[in-house]
Amino acid sequence: MGQARAQRPLPDELLTNTIEGQINYLEERTRIYENYRAIREDMFQKINSNVLDSLRIYKNEITGLNENIETLNGTNDSLSLSLEDTKTRLQEMTRTKNEISILGLSVNKVVYNTITWSVIAALLVLLVLGYLVFKKNRAVTLRSKNEIIGLKDEFEEYRQKSRQALEKMTMEHFNSSPVLSNL
């Protein structure tokens, strides 16, 4: 009869269930005698084999996951270095983009624009002041020219009058002279 028990096939629960399900099955189907649980040897060996197989599978899975983690960490480190390099190049490009080289000096575009517009504004102010001074001087020149023309006209008129007066005086003197009266 001892052999009949040994040849009894293992229950399906020990062949298809999870480890937790197999242990629950054993807890329900075995008896406790003086704080010891009596388990059939073939059932114990099967659960032992299942637990070791599961541990081996999980250990391999953990090893694979650890290798995957190392690979991902390496990739992450590589990407971090690449990101830092990209950030550095971006900062350099941004700095370069925001600068202009004038006479070998790097000048920020904002400063350059401020200086340029200040020079343009100063030149415009000088142009307006120059135009106003030119306009004033032109008005003074035209007025002076008109005054000179007026003075020339007056002088010519005075000269004509003086010449006529001199001629008249000369004629009067000549006509009043005693030598001519005797003739």
N, C-alpha and C. Protein backbone atom coordinates (compact mmCIF):
# COMPACT_ATOMS: atom_id res chain seq x y z
N MET A 1 0.81 -1.18 0.00
CA MET A 1 0.00 0.00 0.00
C MET A 1 0.86 1.25 0.00
N GLY A 2 2.06 1.19 0.55
CA GLY A 2 3.00 2.30 0.53
C GLY A 2 3.38 2.65 -0.90
N GLN A 3 3.44 1.61 -1.75
CA GLN A 3 3.79 1.89 -3.13
C GLN A 3 2.62 2.52 -3.86
N ALA A 4 1.44 2.22 -3.46
CA ALA A 4 0.26 2.77 -4.13
C ALA A 4 0.23 4.28 -3.93
N ARG A 5 0.62 4.67 -2.74
CA ARG A 5 0.64 6.12 -2.48
C ARG A 5 1.75 6.79 -3.27
N ALA A 6 2.87 6.21 -3.39
CA ALA A 6 4.00 6.81 -4.10
C ALA A 6 3.71 6.93 -5.57
N GLN A 7 2.89 6.05 -6.07
CA GLN A 7 2.61 6.09 -7.50
C GLN A 7 1.43 6.97 -7.83
N ARG A 8 0.78 7.45 -6.84
CA ARG A 8 -0.34 8.35 -7.09
C ARG A 8 0.18 9.60 -7.79
N PRO A 9 -0.46 10.03 -8.87
CA PRO A 9 0.05 11.18 -9.60
C PRO A 9 -0.08 12.47 -8.78
N LEU A 10 0.75 13.43 -9.13
CA LEU A 10 0.71 14.74 -8.45
C LEU A 10 -0.56 15.48 -8.86
N PRO A 11 -1.15 16.20 -7.94
CA PRO A 11 -2.35 16.97 -8.28
C PRO A 11 -2.02 18.08 -9.29
N ASP A 12 -3.03 18.41 -10.10
CA ASP A 12 -2.84 19.45 -11.13
C ASP A 12 -2.45 20.80 -10.52
N GLU A 13 -2.88 21.07 -9.31
CA GLU A 13 -2.54 22.35 -8.67
C GLU A 13 -1.03 22.52 -8.54
N LEU A 14 -0.31 21.43 -8.32
CA LEU A 14 1.14 21.52 -8.18
C LEU A 14 1.84 21.63 -9.53
N LEU A 15 1.12 21.32 -10.59
CA LEU A 15 1.72 21.35 -11.92
C LEU A 15 1.40 22.66 -12.66
N THR A 16 0.24 23.28 -12.38
CA THR A 16 -0.20 24.43 -13.17
C THR A 16 -0.31 25.73 -12.37
N ASN A 17 -0.45 25.66 -11.07
CA ASN A 17 -0.63 26.86 -10.24
C ASN A 17 0.69 27.62 -10.05
N THR A 18 0.52 28.87 -9.58
CA THR A 18 1.70 29.65 -9.20
C THR A 18 2.25 29.07 -7.90
N ILE A 19 3.45 29.52 -7.53
CA ILE A 19 4.08 29.04 -6.28
C ILE A 19 3.16 29.34 -5.10
N GLU A 20 2.59 30.52 -5.09
CA GLU A 20 1.68 30.90 -4.00
C GLU A 20 0.47 29.98 -3.97
N GLY A 21 -0.07 29.67 -5.14
CA GLY A 21 -1.22 28.75 -5.23
C GLY A 21 -0.84 27.35 -4.79
N GLN A 22 0.37 26.89 -5.12
CA GLN A 22 0.84 25.56 -4.70
C GLN A 22 0.98 25.50 -3.18
N ILE A 23 1.55 26.55 -2.58
CA ILE A 23 1.72 26.57 -1.12
C ILE A 23 0.36 26.61 -0.44
N ASN A 24 -0.57 27.39 -0.97
CA ASN A 24 -1.92 27.42 -0.41
C ASN A 24 -2.58 26.05 -0.51
N TYR A 25 -2.37 25.36 -1.60
CA TYR A 25 -2.91 24.01 -1.77
C TYR A 25 -2.36 23.08 -0.70
N LEU A 26 -1.04 23.15 -0.48
CA LEU A 26 -0.42 22.29 0.55
C LEU A 26 -0.95 22.62 1.93
N GLU A 27 -1.14 23.89 2.23
CA GLU A 27 -1.65 24.27 3.54
C GLU A 27 -3.05 23.71 3.77
N GLU A 28 -3.84 23.70 2.73
CA GLU A 28 -5.21 23.21 2.87
C GLU A 28 -5.26 21.69 2.93
N ARG A 29 -4.38 20.98 2.25
CA ARG A 29 -4.46 19.51 2.09
C ARG A 29 -3.57 18.72 3.07
N THR A 30 -2.71 19.39 3.80
CA THR A 30 -1.83 18.63 4.71
C THR A 30 -2.25 18.87 6.15
N ARG A 31 -1.80 17.95 7.00
CA ARG A 31 -2.16 18.03 8.42
C ARG A 31 -0.95 18.44 9.24
N ILE A 32 -1.24 19.08 10.41
CA ILE A 32 -0.18 19.46 11.33
C ILE A 32 -0.23 18.47 12.50
N TYR A 33 0.95 17.90 12.80
CA TYR A 33 1.04 16.95 13.90
C TYR A 33 2.21 17.39 14.75
N GLU A 34 1.95 17.78 16.00
CA GLU A 34 2.92 18.25 16.96
C GLU A 34 3.82 19.34 16.34
N ASN A 35 3.17 20.34 15.83
CA ASN A 35 3.83 21.49 15.21
C ASN A 35 4.66 21.13 13.97
N TYR A 36 4.43 19.96 13.39
CA TYR A 36 5.09 19.59 12.13
C TYR A 36 4.01 19.34 11.10
N ARG A 37 4.32 19.72 9.88
CA ARG A 37 3.38 19.52 8.78
C ARG A 37 3.87 18.32 7.99
N ALA A 38 2.99 17.41 7.76
CA ALA A 38 3.34 16.20 7.02
C ALA A 38 3.02 16.40 5.56
N ILE A 39 4.06 16.37 4.71
CA ILE A 39 3.90 16.58 3.27
C ILE A 39 4.47 15.37 2.58
N ARG A 40 3.80 14.91 1.56
CA ARG A 40 4.32 13.82 0.76
C ARG A 40 5.64 14.24 0.14
N GLU A 41 6.57 13.31 0.05
CA GLU A 41 7.91 13.61 -0.48
C GLU A 41 7.85 14.08 -1.92
N ASP A 42 7.05 13.43 -2.75
CA ASP A 42 6.99 13.82 -4.16
C ASP A 42 6.41 15.23 -4.32
N MET A 43 5.43 15.61 -3.43
CA MET A 43 4.87 16.96 -3.46
C MET A 43 5.93 17.97 -3.02
N PHE A 44 6.65 17.65 -1.95
CA PHE A 44 7.70 18.54 -1.46
C PHE A 44 8.75 18.75 -2.54
N GLN A 45 9.19 17.67 -3.20
CA GLN A 45 10.22 17.76 -4.24
C GLN A 45 9.71 18.61 -5.42
N LYS A 46 8.43 18.41 -5.73
CA LYS A 46 7.87 19.17 -6.85
C LYS A 46 7.83 20.67 -6.51
N ILE A 47 7.36 21.01 -5.31
CA ILE A 47 7.30 22.43 -4.90
C ILE A 47 8.72 22.98 -4.80
N ASN A 48 9.64 22.20 -4.24
CA ASN A 48 11.03 22.62 -4.13
C ASN A 48 11.61 22.90 -5.53
N SER A 49 11.35 21.98 -6.47
CA SER A 49 11.82 22.14 -7.84
C SER A 49 11.18 23.37 -8.48
N ASN A 50 9.86 23.57 -8.26
CA ASN A 50 9.16 24.73 -8.82
C ASN A 50 9.71 26.04 -8.24
N VAL A 51 9.97 26.05 -6.93
CA VAL A 51 10.49 27.26 -6.28
C VAL A 51 11.88 27.57 -6.82
N LEU A 52 12.73 26.56 -6.94
CA LEU A 52 14.09 26.78 -7.45
C LEU A 52 14.05 27.24 -8.91
N ASP A 53 13.17 26.63 -9.70
CA ASP A 53 13.02 27.07 -11.09
C ASP A 53 12.56 28.53 -11.17
N SER A 54 11.59 28.87 -10.34
CA SER A 54 11.09 30.24 -10.32
C SER A 54 12.18 31.20 -9.87
N LEU A 55 12.95 30.80 -8.85
CA LEU A 55 14.05 31.65 -8.38
C LEU A 55 15.10 31.83 -9.47
N ARG A 56 15.42 30.74 -10.18
CA ARG A 56 16.39 30.82 -11.27
C ARG A 56 15.89 31.76 -12.37
N ILE A 57 14.62 31.61 -12.71
CA ILE A 57 14.02 32.48 -13.75
C ILE A 57 14.05 33.94 -13.30
N TYR A 58 13.65 34.18 -12.05
CA TYR A 58 13.64 35.55 -11.54
C TYR A 58 15.05 36.11 -11.42
N LYS A 59 16.01 35.22 -11.02
CA LYS A 59 17.40 35.67 -10.92
C LYS A 59 17.91 36.06 -12.31
N ASN A 60 17.61 35.24 -13.32
CA ASN A 60 18.01 35.57 -14.70
C ASN A 60 17.33 36.85 -15.16
N GLU A 61 16.06 36.97 -14.81
CA GLU A 61 15.32 38.18 -15.19
C GLU A 61 15.92 39.41 -14.49
N ILE A 62 16.28 39.27 -13.22
CA ILE A 62 16.90 40.37 -12.47
C ILE A 62 18.24 40.72 -13.09
N THR A 63 19.02 39.69 -13.44
CA THR A 63 20.32 39.94 -14.08
C THR A 63 20.12 40.67 -15.40
N GLY A 64 19.15 40.21 -16.19
CA GLY A 64 18.85 40.88 -17.47
C GLY A 64 18.39 42.31 -17.24
N LEU A 65 17.56 42.51 -16.23
CA LEU A 65 17.08 43.87 -15.94
C LEU A 65 18.23 44.75 -15.46
N ASN A 66 19.14 44.18 -14.64
CA ASN A 66 20.30 44.94 -14.18
C ASN A 66 21.19 45.33 -15.36
N GLU A 67 21.38 44.39 -16.29
CA GLU A 67 22.16 44.71 -17.48
C GLU A 67 21.46 45.78 -18.30
N ASN A 68 20.15 45.65 -18.39
CA ASN A 68 19.37 46.66 -19.11
C ASN A 68 19.49 48.02 -18.41
N ILE A 69 19.46 48.01 -17.08
CA ILE A 69 19.61 49.25 -16.31
C ILE A 69 20.99 49.85 -16.57
N GLU A 70 22.04 49.00 -16.57
CA GLU A 70 23.38 49.51 -16.84
C GLU A 70 23.47 50.10 -18.24
N THR A 71 22.86 49.42 -19.21
CA THR A 71 22.85 49.93 -20.58
C THR A 71 22.11 51.26 -20.64
N LEU A 72 20.95 51.30 -19.97
CA LEU A 72 20.16 52.54 -19.97
C LEU A 72 20.91 53.67 -19.24
N ASN A 73 21.62 53.32 -18.14
CA ASN A 73 22.41 54.34 -17.43
C ASN A 73 23.53 54.85 -18.32
N GLY A 74 24.17 53.93 -19.06
CA GLY A 74 25.22 54.36 -20.00
C GLY A 74 24.64 55.27 -21.07
N THR A 75 23.49 54.87 -21.61
CA THR A 75 22.83 55.70 -22.62
C THR A 75 22.43 57.04 -22.03
N ASN A 76 21.92 57.00 -20.80
CA ASN A 76 21.51 58.23 -20.12
C ASN A 76 22.71 59.15 -19.91
N ASP A 77 23.85 58.57 -19.47
CA ASP A 77 25.06 59.37 -19.28
C ASP A 77 25.52 59.97 -20.60
N SER A 78 25.49 59.15 -21.65
CA SER A 78 25.88 59.62 -22.98
C SER A 78 24.96 60.75 -23.43
N LEU A 79 23.65 60.57 -23.22
CA LEU A 79 22.69 61.61 -23.60
C LEU A 79 22.88 62.88 -22.76
N SER A 80 23.21 62.69 -21.47
CA SER A 80 23.45 63.85 -20.61
C SER A 80 24.66 64.63 -21.10
N LEU A 81 25.73 63.93 -21.46
CA LEU A 81 26.91 64.60 -21.99
C LEU A 81 26.59 65.31 -23.31
N SER A 82 25.82 64.62 -24.14
CA SER A 82 25.43 65.21 -25.42
C SER A 82 24.56 66.45 -25.18
N LEU A 83 23.66 66.37 -24.20
CA LEU A 83 22.80 67.51 -23.88
C LEU A 83 23.63 68.68 -23.37
N GLU A 84 24.60 68.41 -22.50
CA GLU A 84 25.46 69.47 -21.98
C GLU A 84 26.25 70.11 -23.12
N ASP A 85 26.77 69.26 -24.02
CA ASP A 85 27.51 69.77 -25.17
C ASP A 85 26.60 70.63 -26.04
N THR A 86 25.38 70.17 -26.26
CA THR A 86 24.41 70.92 -27.06
C THR A 86 24.07 72.24 -26.39
N LYS A 87 23.89 72.22 -25.06
CA LYS A 87 23.60 73.46 -24.33
C LYS A 87 24.76 74.44 -24.45
N THR A 88 25.98 73.93 -24.34
CA THR A 88 27.16 74.78 -24.45
C THR A 88 27.24 75.39 -25.84
N ARG A 89 27.02 74.57 -26.86
CA ARG A 89 27.06 75.08 -28.23
C ARG A 89 25.94 76.08 -28.47
N LEU A 90 24.75 75.82 -27.89
CA LEU A 90 23.63 76.75 -28.04
C LEU A 90 23.95 78.09 -27.39
N GLN A 91 24.55 78.05 -26.19
CA GLN A 91 24.93 79.30 -25.52
C GLN A 91 25.96 80.05 -26.35
N GLU A 92 26.93 79.32 -26.90
CA GLU A 92 27.96 79.95 -27.73
C GLU A 92 27.34 80.56 -28.98
N MET A 93 26.42 79.82 -29.61
CA MET A 93 25.76 80.34 -30.81
C MET A 93 24.89 81.55 -30.48
N THR A 94 24.20 81.49 -29.36
CA THR A 94 23.36 82.62 -28.95
C THR A 94 24.23 83.84 -28.68
N ARG A 95 25.37 83.63 -28.00
CA ARG A 95 26.28 84.72 -27.71
C ARG A 95 26.83 85.28 -29.02
N THR A 96 27.22 84.39 -29.92
CA THR A 96 27.76 84.81 -31.21
C THR A 96 26.70 85.54 -32.02
N LYS A 97 25.47 85.03 -31.97
CA LYS A 97 24.37 85.65 -32.72
C LYS A 97 24.07 87.04 -32.19
N ASN A 98 24.25 87.24 -30.90
CA ASN A 98 23.93 88.53 -30.29
C ASN A 98 25.11 89.49 -30.30
N GLU A 99 26.20 89.14 -31.00
CA GLU A 99 27.36 90.01 -31.05
C GLU A 99 27.72 90.33 -32.50
N ILE A 100 28.34 91.48 -32.66
CA ILE A 100 28.84 91.92 -33.96
C ILE A 100 30.31 92.26 -33.78
N SER A 101 31.13 91.88 -34.74
CA SER A 101 32.55 92.19 -34.68
C SER A 101 32.81 93.48 -35.45
N ILE A 102 33.32 94.49 -34.73
CA ILE A 102 33.63 95.78 -35.34
C ILE A 102 35.08 96.10 -35.00
N LEU A 103 35.88 96.22 -36.05
CA LEU A 103 37.31 96.51 -35.88
C LEU A 103 37.97 95.50 -34.96
N GLY A 104 37.55 94.26 -35.04
CA GLY A 104 38.15 93.19 -34.24
C GLY A 104 37.59 93.08 -32.84
N LEU A 105 36.67 93.95 -32.47
CA LEU A 105 36.08 93.92 -31.13
C LEU A 105 34.68 93.32 -31.22
N SER A 106 34.36 92.45 -30.28
CA SER A 106 33.01 91.89 -30.22
C SER A 106 32.13 92.85 -29.44
N VAL A 107 31.05 93.27 -30.09
CA VAL A 107 30.13 94.22 -29.46
C VAL A 107 28.74 93.60 -29.47
N ASN A 108 28.05 93.70 -28.34
CA ASN A 108 26.69 93.20 -28.24
C ASN A 108 25.80 93.97 -29.21
N LYS A 109 24.86 93.26 -29.84
CA LYS A 109 23.99 93.90 -30.84
C LYS A 109 23.18 95.04 -30.25
N VAL A 110 22.73 94.88 -29.02
CA VAL A 110 21.93 95.93 -28.38
C VAL A 110 22.78 97.19 -28.21
N VAL A 111 24.03 97.00 -27.74
CA VAL A 111 24.94 98.15 -27.58
C VAL A 111 25.23 98.76 -28.95
N TYR A 112 25.50 97.90 -29.93
CA TYR A 112 25.78 98.37 -31.29
C TYR A 112 24.60 99.18 -31.83
N ASN A 113 23.39 98.64 -31.69
CA ASN A 113 22.20 99.34 -32.18
C ASN A 113 22.02 100.67 -31.45
N THR A 114 22.26 100.68 -30.14
CA THR A 114 22.12 101.91 -29.36
C THR A 114 23.12 102.95 -29.85
N ILE A 115 24.36 102.54 -30.04
CA ILE A 115 25.39 103.48 -30.52
C ILE A 115 25.04 103.97 -31.92
N THR A 116 24.66 103.04 -32.79
CA THR A 116 24.33 103.41 -34.18
C THR A 116 23.18 104.41 -34.22
N TRP A 117 22.11 104.13 -33.50
CA TRP A 117 20.96 105.03 -33.52
C TRP A 117 21.29 106.36 -32.84
N SER A 118 22.14 106.33 -31.83
CA SER A 118 22.56 107.58 -31.19
C SER A 118 23.36 108.43 -32.18
N VAL A 119 24.27 107.80 -32.93
CA VAL A 119 25.05 108.54 -33.94
C VAL A 119 24.11 109.09 -35.01
N ILE A 120 23.17 108.27 -35.47
CA ILE A 120 22.21 108.74 -36.48
C ILE A 120 21.39 109.91 -35.95
N ALA A 121 20.93 109.80 -34.69
CA ALA A 121 20.15 110.89 -34.09
C ALA A 121 21.00 112.16 -33.99
N ALA A 122 22.27 112.01 -33.56
CA ALA A 122 23.16 113.17 -33.44
C ALA A 122 23.39 113.80 -34.82
N LEU A 123 23.60 112.97 -35.83
CA LEU A 123 23.79 113.49 -37.18
C LEU A 123 22.54 114.21 -37.69
N LEU A 124 21.37 113.66 -37.38
CA LEU A 124 20.12 114.33 -37.77
C LEU A 124 19.97 115.68 -37.07
N VAL A 125 20.33 115.72 -35.78
CA VAL A 125 20.26 116.99 -35.04
C VAL A 125 21.22 117.99 -35.67
N LEU A 126 22.45 117.53 -35.99
CA LEU A 126 23.42 118.42 -36.63
C LEU A 126 22.92 118.88 -38.00
N LEU A 127 22.31 117.97 -38.75
CA LEU A 127 21.77 118.33 -40.06
C LEU A 127 20.68 119.39 -39.93
N VAL A 128 19.77 119.19 -38.97
CA VAL A 128 18.69 120.17 -38.76
C VAL A 128 19.28 121.52 -38.32
N LEU A 129 20.24 121.47 -37.37
CA LEU A 129 20.88 122.72 -36.93
C LEU A 129 21.62 123.39 -38.09
N GLY A 130 22.33 122.59 -38.88
CA GLY A 130 23.04 123.14 -40.04
C GLY A 130 22.07 123.77 -41.02
N TYR A 131 20.94 123.11 -41.26
CA TYR A 131 19.93 123.66 -42.17
C TYR A 131 19.38 124.98 -41.63
N LEU A 132 19.09 125.00 -40.31
CA LEU A 132 18.56 126.24 -39.73
C LEU A 132 19.59 127.36 -39.80
N VAL A 133 20.86 127.05 -39.53
CA VAL A 133 21.91 128.07 -39.61
C VAL A 133 22.05 128.53 -41.06
N PHE A 134 22.02 127.58 -42.00
CA PHE A 134 22.11 127.92 -43.42
C PHE A 134 20.96 128.84 -43.82
N LYS A 135 19.74 128.48 -43.39
CA LYS A 135 18.57 129.28 -43.74
C LYS A 135 18.70 130.69 -43.17
N LYS A 136 19.15 130.80 -41.93
CA LYS A 136 19.31 132.12 -41.29
C LYS A 136 20.38 132.91 -42.03
N ASN A 137 21.53 132.26 -42.31
CA ASN A 137 22.61 132.95 -43.01
C ASN A 137 22.17 133.36 -44.42
N ARG A 138 21.40 132.52 -45.07
CA ARG A 138 20.91 132.85 -46.41
C ARG A 138 20.00 134.07 -46.34
N ALA A 139 19.14 134.10 -45.32
CA ALA A 139 18.25 135.26 -45.16
C ALA A 139 19.07 136.52 -44.91
N VAL A 140 20.09 136.40 -44.04
CA VAL A 140 20.95 137.55 -43.75
C VAL A 140 21.69 137.97 -45.02
N THR A 141 22.19 136.99 -45.77
CA THR A 141 22.92 137.28 -47.01
C THR A 141 22.01 137.97 -48.02
N LEU A 142 20.80 137.47 -48.19
CA LEU A 142 19.86 138.10 -49.13
C LEU A 142 19.52 139.52 -48.69
N ARG A 143 19.29 139.70 -47.39
CA ARG A 143 18.98 141.03 -46.88
C ARG A 143 20.18 141.96 -47.10
N SER A 144 21.39 141.44 -46.79
CA SER A 144 22.59 142.26 -46.99
C SER A 144 22.77 142.58 -48.47
N LYS A 145 22.53 141.61 -49.33
CA LYS A 145 22.66 141.82 -50.77
C LYS A 145 21.68 142.89 -51.24
N ASN A 146 20.46 142.77 -50.74
CA ASN A 146 19.45 143.79 -51.10
C ASN A 146 19.86 145.16 -50.58
N GLU A 147 20.41 145.19 -49.36
CA GLU A 147 20.86 146.46 -48.80
C GLU A 147 22.02 147.02 -49.63
N ILE A 148 22.96 146.14 -50.04
CA ILE A 148 24.09 146.57 -50.86
C ILE A 148 23.58 147.11 -52.19
N ILE A 149 22.63 146.40 -52.79
CA ILE A 149 22.05 146.87 -54.06
C ILE A 149 21.40 148.23 -53.85
N GLY A 150 20.68 148.33 -52.72
CA GLY A 150 20.05 149.63 -52.42
C GLY A 150 21.09 150.71 -52.22
N LEU A 151 22.19 150.36 -51.49
CA LEU A 151 23.25 151.33 -51.26
C LEU A 151 23.95 151.69 -52.58
N LYS A 152 24.14 150.71 -53.45
CA LYS A 152 24.75 150.98 -54.75
C LYS A 152 23.86 151.93 -55.56
N ASP A 153 22.56 151.62 -55.51
CA ASP A 153 21.63 152.50 -56.23
C ASP A 153 21.68 153.91 -55.66
N GLU A 154 21.66 154.00 -54.33
CA GLU A 154 21.73 155.31 -53.68
C GLU A 154 23.04 156.00 -54.04
N PHE A 155 24.14 155.20 -53.99
CA PHE A 155 25.45 155.77 -54.30
C PHE A 155 25.49 156.24 -55.76
N GLU A 156 24.96 155.43 -56.64
CA GLU A 156 24.95 155.81 -58.06
C GLU A 156 24.10 157.07 -58.25
N GLU A 157 22.97 157.07 -57.56
CA GLU A 157 22.10 158.26 -57.64
C GLU A 157 22.83 159.48 -57.08
N TYR A 158 23.53 159.28 -55.94
CA TYR A 158 24.28 160.37 -55.32
C TYR A 158 25.39 160.82 -56.26
N ARG A 159 26.08 159.86 -56.87
CA ARG A 159 27.17 160.17 -57.78
C ARG A 159 26.64 160.95 -58.99
N GLN A 160 25.52 160.51 -59.49
CA GLN A 160 24.91 161.20 -60.63
C GLN A 160 24.56 162.64 -60.22
N LYS A 161 23.94 162.76 -59.06
CA LYS A 161 23.55 164.09 -58.59
C LYS A 161 24.79 164.95 -58.36
N SER A 162 25.83 164.29 -57.76
CA SER A 162 27.07 165.04 -57.50
C SER A 162 27.70 165.46 -58.82
N ARG A 163 27.75 164.58 -59.78
CA ARG A 163 28.34 164.89 -61.09
C ARG A 163 27.54 166.01 -61.75
N GLN A 164 26.22 165.89 -61.67
CA GLN A 164 25.38 166.92 -62.28
C GLN A 164 25.59 168.25 -61.54
N ALA A 165 25.68 168.14 -60.22
CA ALA A 165 25.88 169.38 -59.45
C ALA A 165 27.24 169.97 -59.78
N LEU A 166 28.25 169.10 -59.91
CA LEU A 166 29.58 169.58 -60.24
C LEU A 166 29.57 170.20 -61.65
N GLU A 167 28.91 169.53 -62.58
CA GLU A 167 28.82 170.06 -63.94
C GLU A 167 28.07 171.39 -63.93
N LYS A 168 27.02 171.43 -63.17
CA LYS A 168 26.24 172.66 -63.10
C LYS A 168 27.08 173.77 -62.48
N MET A 169 27.81 173.40 -61.43
CA MET A 169 28.66 174.41 -60.79
C MET A 169 29.77 174.84 -61.75
N THR A 170 30.29 173.87 -62.44
CA THR A 170 31.35 174.20 -63.38
C THR A 170 30.77 175.08 -64.47
N MET A 171 29.65 174.77 -64.95
CA MET A 171 29.02 175.58 -66.00
C MET A 171 28.70 176.97 -65.45
N GLU A 172 28.18 177.02 -64.29
CA GLU A 172 27.85 178.32 -63.71
C GLU A 172 29.14 179.11 -63.49
N HIS A 173 30.14 178.45 -63.06
CA HIS A 173 31.41 179.11 -62.84
C HIS A 173 31.97 179.56 -64.18
N PHE A 174 31.88 178.72 -65.13
CA PHE A 174 32.40 179.05 -66.44
C PHE A 174 31.58 180.18 -67.05
N ASN A 175 30.29 180.10 -66.87
CA ASN A 175 29.43 181.16 -67.41
C ASN A 175 29.62 182.47 -66.62
N SER A 176 29.92 182.42 -65.48
CA SER A 176 30.09 183.62 -64.71
C SER A 176 31.52 184.12 -64.74
N SER A 177 32.33 183.55 -65.36
CA SER A 177 33.72 183.96 -65.38
C SER A 177 33.85 185.25 -66.22
N PRO A 178 34.75 186.23 -65.83
CA PRO A 178 34.87 187.48 -66.51
C PRO A 178 35.47 187.32 -67.91
N VAL A 179 36.20 186.35 -68.10
CA VAL A 179 36.85 186.23 -69.38
C VAL A 179 35.77 185.93 -70.42
N LEU A 180 34.88 185.17 -70.11
CA LEU A 180 33.87 184.82 -71.08
C LEU A 180 32.84 185.94 -71.25
N SER A 181 32.67 186.67 -70.32
CA SER A 181 31.70 187.74 -70.43
C SER A 181 32.18 188.81 -71.43
N ASN A 182 33.42 189.00 -71.59
CA ASN A 182 33.97 189.98 -72.50
C ASN A 182 33.92 189.48 -73.91
N LEU A 183 33.80 188.42 -74.14
CA LEU A 183 33.85 187.95 -75.50
C LEU A 183 32.66 188.33 -76.20
